[in-house]
N, C-alpha and C. Protein backbone atom coordinates (compact mmCIF):
# COMPACT_ATOMS: atom_id res chain seq x y z
N MET A 1 159.44 144.77 57.88
CA MET A 1 161.05 145.60 57.28
C MET A 1 161.25 145.98 58.21
N THR A 2 162.56 146.73 58.71
CA THR A 2 162.57 146.99 60.22
C THR A 2 163.57 148.63 60.22
N GLY A 3 163.03 149.26 60.66
CA GLY A 3 163.21 151.14 60.63
C GLY A 3 165.24 151.38 60.66
N MET A 4 164.90 152.78 60.58
CA MET A 4 166.46 153.14 60.71
C MET A 4 167.57 152.95 61.39
N SER A 5 168.55 152.72 61.73
CA SER A 5 169.13 153.41 63.37
C SER A 5 169.40 154.99 63.69
N ALA A 6 170.26 154.14 64.87
CA ALA A 6 169.85 156.31 64.74
C ALA A 6 171.02 156.34 64.12
N LEU A 7 172.22 155.68 63.92
CA LEU A 7 173.48 156.76 62.60
C LEU A 7 172.37 156.72 61.33
N GLU A 8 171.96 156.01 60.90
CA GLU A 8 171.90 156.03 59.69
C GLU A 8 170.91 157.72 59.66
N ILE A 9 170.44 157.40 60.56
CA ILE A 9 169.51 158.58 60.32
C ILE A 9 169.76 159.81 60.56
N TRP A 10 171.38 159.66 61.77
CA TRP A 10 172.12 161.17 62.27
C TRP A 10 172.72 161.21 60.32
N LEU A 11 172.93 160.02 60.36
CA LEU A 11 174.51 160.62 58.46
C LEU A 11 173.36 160.83 57.37
N THR A 12 171.82 160.51 57.74
CA THR A 12 171.12 161.56 56.42
C THR A 12 170.55 162.62 56.57
N ILE A 13 170.91 163.00 58.31
CA ILE A 13 169.94 164.70 58.48
C ILE A 13 171.63 164.79 57.91
N VAL A 14 172.77 165.22 57.60
CA VAL A 14 174.21 165.37 58.64
C VAL A 14 174.39 165.68 56.18
N GLY A 15 174.22 163.89 55.94
CA GLY A 15 174.27 164.51 54.42
C GLY A 15 173.69 165.47 53.73
N LEU A 16 172.75 165.33 54.41
CA LEU A 16 171.36 166.01 53.90
C LEU A 16 171.90 167.46 53.68
N THR A 17 171.90 168.20 54.97
CA THR A 17 172.11 169.52 55.40
C THR A 17 173.80 170.19 54.71
N LEU A 18 174.51 169.15 54.06
CA LEU A 18 175.81 169.44 53.09
C LEU A 18 175.40 170.14 51.60
N ALA A 19 174.40 168.66 50.92
CA ALA A 19 173.37 168.80 50.08
C ALA A 19 173.04 170.02 50.07
N THR A 20 172.31 170.89 50.82
CA THR A 20 171.97 171.65 51.06
C THR A 20 172.54 172.50 50.87
N ILE A 21 173.67 172.87 52.14
CA ILE A 21 175.31 174.71 52.09
C ILE A 21 175.22 174.08 51.12
N ALA A 22 175.63 173.11 50.14
CA ALA A 22 177.02 172.90 49.35
C ALA A 22 175.52 173.97 47.93
N THR A 23 174.47 173.39 47.59
CA THR A 23 173.77 173.95 46.25
C THR A 23 172.94 175.01 46.94
N ARG A 24 172.91 175.26 47.47
CA ARG A 24 172.94 177.34 48.34
C ARG A 24 173.82 177.80 48.01
N GLY A 25 175.05 178.02 49.13
CA GLY A 25 175.81 178.63 49.28
C GLY A 25 176.65 178.64 48.25
N ALA A 26 176.12 177.83 46.60
CA ALA A 26 177.02 178.09 45.66
C ALA A 26 177.25 179.25 45.45
N PHE A 27 176.00 179.42 45.14
CA PHE A 27 175.55 180.89 44.57
C PHE A 27 175.86 181.82 45.11
N LEU A 28 175.67 181.71 46.57
CA LEU A 28 176.52 183.35 47.27
C LEU A 28 177.53 182.95 46.61
N LEU A 29 178.40 181.70 46.68
CA LEU A 29 180.14 182.31 46.64
C LEU A 29 180.52 182.45 45.52
N VAL A 30 180.02 181.93 44.58
CA VAL A 30 179.89 182.57 43.37
C VAL A 30 179.49 183.25 41.95
N GLY A 31 179.19 183.20 42.99
CA GLY A 31 177.05 184.24 42.25
C GLY A 31 177.69 185.11 41.56
N ASP A 32 178.50 186.26 41.19
CA ASP A 32 178.95 187.75 41.34
C ASP A 32 179.65 186.94 39.74
N ARG A 33 180.84 185.91 39.90
CA ARG A 33 182.05 186.11 38.90
C ARG A 33 181.22 185.03 37.18
N ILE A 34 180.03 184.56 38.59
CA ILE A 34 178.74 183.69 36.70
C ILE A 34 177.65 183.95 36.87
N SER A 35 177.17 184.01 35.54
CA SER A 35 176.20 184.89 34.51
C SER A 35 175.38 184.33 34.43
N LEU A 36 173.78 183.78 34.64
CA LEU A 36 173.37 183.11 33.68
C LEU A 36 173.02 184.08 32.62
N PRO A 37 173.01 182.82 31.79
CA PRO A 37 171.51 183.35 30.30
C PRO A 37 170.96 183.98 30.59
N GLU A 38 170.90 184.76 30.02
CA GLU A 38 169.10 185.83 29.78
C GLU A 38 167.93 184.91 29.81
N ARG A 39 167.89 183.51 28.55
CA ARG A 39 167.16 182.48 29.09
C ARG A 39 166.83 182.25 30.01
N VAL A 40 168.20 181.87 30.95
CA VAL A 40 167.76 180.77 32.62
C VAL A 40 166.91 181.65 33.53
N GLN A 41 167.82 182.92 33.66
CA GLN A 41 167.05 184.57 34.41
C GLN A 41 165.48 184.37 33.78
N HIS A 42 164.69 184.50 32.89
CA HIS A 42 163.75 184.84 32.64
C HIS A 42 162.81 183.44 33.29
N ALA A 43 163.41 182.36 32.63
CA ALA A 43 162.75 181.14 33.27
C ALA A 43 162.93 180.95 34.46
N LEU A 44 163.48 181.46 35.33
CA LEU A 44 163.10 180.60 36.72
C LEU A 44 162.55 182.01 37.03
N ARG A 45 162.15 183.00 36.53
CA ARG A 45 161.37 183.94 37.74
C ARG A 45 159.75 183.07 37.56
N TYR A 46 159.86 182.02 36.71
CA TYR A 46 158.24 181.06 37.24
C TYR A 46 158.75 180.07 37.79
N ALA A 47 159.17 179.35 38.69
CA ALA A 47 160.29 178.82 39.54
C ALA A 47 159.01 178.86 40.13
N PRO A 48 158.74 179.91 41.32
CA PRO A 48 158.26 179.94 41.88
C PRO A 48 156.60 179.24 42.05
N ALA A 49 156.20 179.81 40.97
CA ALA A 49 154.71 179.32 40.61
C ALA A 49 154.32 177.82 40.38
N CYS A 50 155.52 178.05 39.62
CA CYS A 50 155.82 176.12 39.30
C CYS A 50 155.87 175.29 40.31
N ALA A 51 156.24 176.39 41.49
CA ALA A 51 156.95 174.94 42.63
C ALA A 51 155.18 175.37 43.67
N LEU A 52 154.62 176.21 43.40
CA LEU A 52 153.19 176.63 44.30
C LEU A 52 152.21 175.36 43.30
N ALA A 53 152.22 175.69 42.31
CA ALA A 53 151.42 174.86 41.19
C ALA A 53 151.63 172.89 41.63
N ALA A 54 153.05 172.54 41.93
CA ALA A 54 153.03 171.27 42.10
C ALA A 54 152.95 171.24 43.65
N LEU A 55 152.34 171.65 44.71
CA LEU A 55 151.58 171.53 46.35
C LEU A 55 151.05 171.51 46.21
N VAL A 56 149.94 172.38 45.12
CA VAL A 56 148.79 172.63 45.68
C VAL A 56 147.78 172.01 44.30
N ALA A 57 147.95 172.14 43.23
CA ALA A 57 146.78 170.89 42.02
C ALA A 57 146.81 169.43 42.99
N PRO A 58 148.32 168.48 43.28
CA PRO A 58 147.05 167.32 43.61
C PRO A 58 146.25 167.02 45.11
N GLU A 59 146.15 168.26 45.80
CA GLU A 59 145.17 168.79 46.66
C GLU A 59 143.89 169.44 45.80
N LEU A 60 144.34 169.54 44.68
CA LEU A 60 142.86 169.80 44.66
C LEU A 60 141.72 169.04 43.96
N LEU A 61 143.29 168.70 43.37
CA LEU A 61 142.80 166.85 41.83
C LEU A 61 142.68 165.78 43.01
N VAL A 62 143.15 165.43 43.06
CA VAL A 62 143.21 164.09 43.75
C VAL A 62 142.14 164.06 44.61
N GLN A 63 140.87 163.26 45.03
CA GLN A 63 140.54 161.91 45.73
C GLN A 63 140.89 160.27 46.24
N GLN A 64 141.35 159.89 47.09
CA GLN A 64 141.32 158.88 46.93
C GLN A 64 141.32 157.81 46.38
N GLY A 65 143.22 159.10 45.87
CA GLY A 65 143.93 158.26 44.52
C GLY A 65 143.63 158.38 43.54
N GLN A 66 142.55 158.85 43.04
CA GLN A 66 141.94 159.37 41.73
C GLN A 66 141.87 161.33 41.81
N VAL A 67 141.96 160.78 40.15
CA VAL A 67 141.68 162.34 39.89
C VAL A 67 140.49 162.77 39.82
N PHE A 68 140.19 163.05 40.79
CA PHE A 68 138.04 164.42 40.64
C PHE A 68 138.40 165.55 40.06
N LEU A 69 137.72 164.87 38.57
CA LEU A 69 137.25 166.36 37.24
C LEU A 69 135.98 166.43 37.66
N SER A 70 135.41 167.42 38.90
CA SER A 70 133.61 167.67 38.87
C SER A 70 133.42 167.95 39.19
N VAL A 71 131.87 168.85 39.90
CA VAL A 71 131.84 170.52 40.10
C VAL A 71 131.50 169.29 41.36
N GLU A 72 130.94 167.93 41.81
CA GLU A 72 130.91 167.88 43.46
C GLU A 72 132.73 167.31 44.13
N ASN A 73 133.89 168.14 43.67
CA ASN A 73 134.63 168.81 43.87
C ASN A 73 135.31 169.57 44.49
N PHE A 74 134.65 169.97 45.62
CA PHE A 74 134.73 171.60 46.39
C PHE A 74 136.01 172.17 46.42
N LYS A 75 136.97 172.19 45.82
CA LYS A 75 138.41 171.94 46.70
C LYS A 75 138.89 173.41 45.13
N LEU A 76 137.92 172.25 44.43
CA LEU A 76 138.67 172.65 42.87
C LEU A 76 137.30 173.69 42.44
N VAL A 77 136.76 173.77 42.80
CA VAL A 77 134.92 174.43 42.42
C VAL A 77 135.45 175.81 42.85
N GLY A 78 135.76 176.20 44.23
CA GLY A 78 137.00 176.71 44.98
C GLY A 78 137.30 177.74 44.46
N ALA A 79 139.10 176.49 44.37
CA ALA A 79 139.59 177.30 43.42
C ALA A 79 139.26 177.41 42.39
N MET A 80 138.50 177.59 41.02
CA MET A 80 138.27 177.55 39.78
C MET A 80 137.69 178.92 40.33
N VAL A 81 137.13 179.08 41.14
CA VAL A 81 136.00 180.69 41.51
C VAL A 81 137.13 181.90 41.95
N ALA A 82 138.61 181.55 42.48
CA ALA A 82 139.12 182.38 43.57
C ALA A 82 139.95 182.75 42.05
N GLY A 83 140.01 181.54 41.41
CA GLY A 83 141.18 182.41 39.83
C GLY A 83 140.93 183.17 39.44
N VAL A 84 139.10 183.58 38.80
CA VAL A 84 138.64 184.01 38.11
C VAL A 84 138.22 185.67 39.33
N VAL A 85 138.06 185.53 40.20
CA VAL A 85 138.39 186.49 41.21
C VAL A 85 139.35 187.13 40.45
N MET A 86 140.89 186.61 41.75
CA MET A 86 141.89 187.51 41.00
C MET A 86 141.85 187.78 39.87
N LEU A 87 141.98 186.99 38.90
CA LEU A 87 142.51 187.91 37.57
C LEU A 87 140.97 188.81 36.92
N THR A 88 140.20 188.86 38.14
CA THR A 88 139.45 190.21 37.41
C THR A 88 139.91 191.34 38.17
N THR A 89 139.98 191.13 39.48
CA THR A 89 139.82 192.65 40.65
C THR A 89 141.41 192.26 41.03
N ARG A 90 142.15 191.10 41.13
CA ARG A 90 143.81 191.70 41.18
C ARG A 90 144.17 191.62 43.06
N ASN A 91 143.36 191.30 43.77
CA ASN A 91 142.84 191.42 45.61
C ASN A 91 142.95 190.06 45.87
N VAL A 92 143.81 189.99 46.72
CA VAL A 92 144.36 188.77 47.37
C VAL A 92 144.10 188.29 48.22
N LEU A 93 143.36 189.63 49.81
CA LEU A 93 142.40 189.19 50.23
C LEU A 93 140.86 188.26 49.97
N LEU A 94 140.86 189.39 48.92
CA LEU A 94 139.43 189.35 48.87
C LEU A 94 139.44 187.86 48.22
N THR A 95 140.45 186.43 47.19
CA THR A 95 140.54 185.96 46.45
C THR A 95 140.59 185.17 47.49
N MET A 96 141.23 185.01 48.34
CA MET A 96 141.02 183.85 49.66
C MET A 96 139.54 184.08 50.38
N GLY A 97 139.39 185.44 50.78
CA GLY A 97 137.97 184.70 51.28
C GLY A 97 137.02 184.76 50.40
N VAL A 98 136.72 184.33 48.55
CA VAL A 98 135.74 184.28 48.43
C VAL A 98 136.08 182.62 47.83
N GLY A 99 137.40 182.55 47.82
CA GLY A 99 137.85 180.54 48.02
C GLY A 99 137.93 180.05 49.44
N MET A 100 137.69 180.40 50.07
CA MET A 100 137.26 179.00 51.32
C MET A 100 135.83 179.61 51.55
N LEU A 101 135.03 180.94 51.02
CA LEU A 101 134.20 180.99 51.42
C LEU A 101 132.53 179.98 50.63
N LEU A 102 133.63 179.71 49.27
CA LEU A 102 132.56 178.87 48.22
C LEU A 102 132.82 177.51 49.24
N PHE A 103 134.12 177.00 49.19
CA PHE A 103 134.41 175.88 49.52
C PHE A 103 134.01 175.73 50.88
N THR A 104 133.46 176.57 51.87
CA THR A 104 133.35 176.15 53.01
C THR A 104 131.49 175.52 52.26
N VAL A 105 130.53 176.61 52.15
CA VAL A 105 129.57 176.66 51.85
C VAL A 105 128.91 175.29 51.46
N LEU A 106 129.66 174.93 49.92
CA LEU A 106 129.92 173.65 49.79
C LEU A 106 129.67 173.02 50.31
N ARG A 107 130.95 172.54 50.92
CA ARG A 107 130.75 172.02 51.52
C ARG A 107 130.11 170.93 53.21
N LEU A 108 129.25 172.46 53.35
CA LEU A 108 127.93 172.15 54.89
C LEU A 108 127.46 172.03 53.90
N ALA A 109 126.82 172.39 52.95
CA ALA A 109 125.55 172.14 52.23
C ALA A 109 125.72 170.55 51.61
């Protein structure tokens, strides 16, 4: 299979740039004239958390292409303990420190 030509690469970059400007700019240009329903506004509050979960979950749950739910999955164990620390203390710095320290200790042991 051959790679993309320089023209195809530039057309892709320009196309994606225009799509990004159109989708993000639309809210800036007509945002005051269009109001979203309250249910949609409420649902959008969860979008950042959902995006973060979608990025983090595969890293925690998948190893070598397989779902790996075990106490030997040190990333998952560290994340679960960090989650408990966050729920009990609400201290983000402590949560990150405990999660990373536990992961490192388990990995090196």
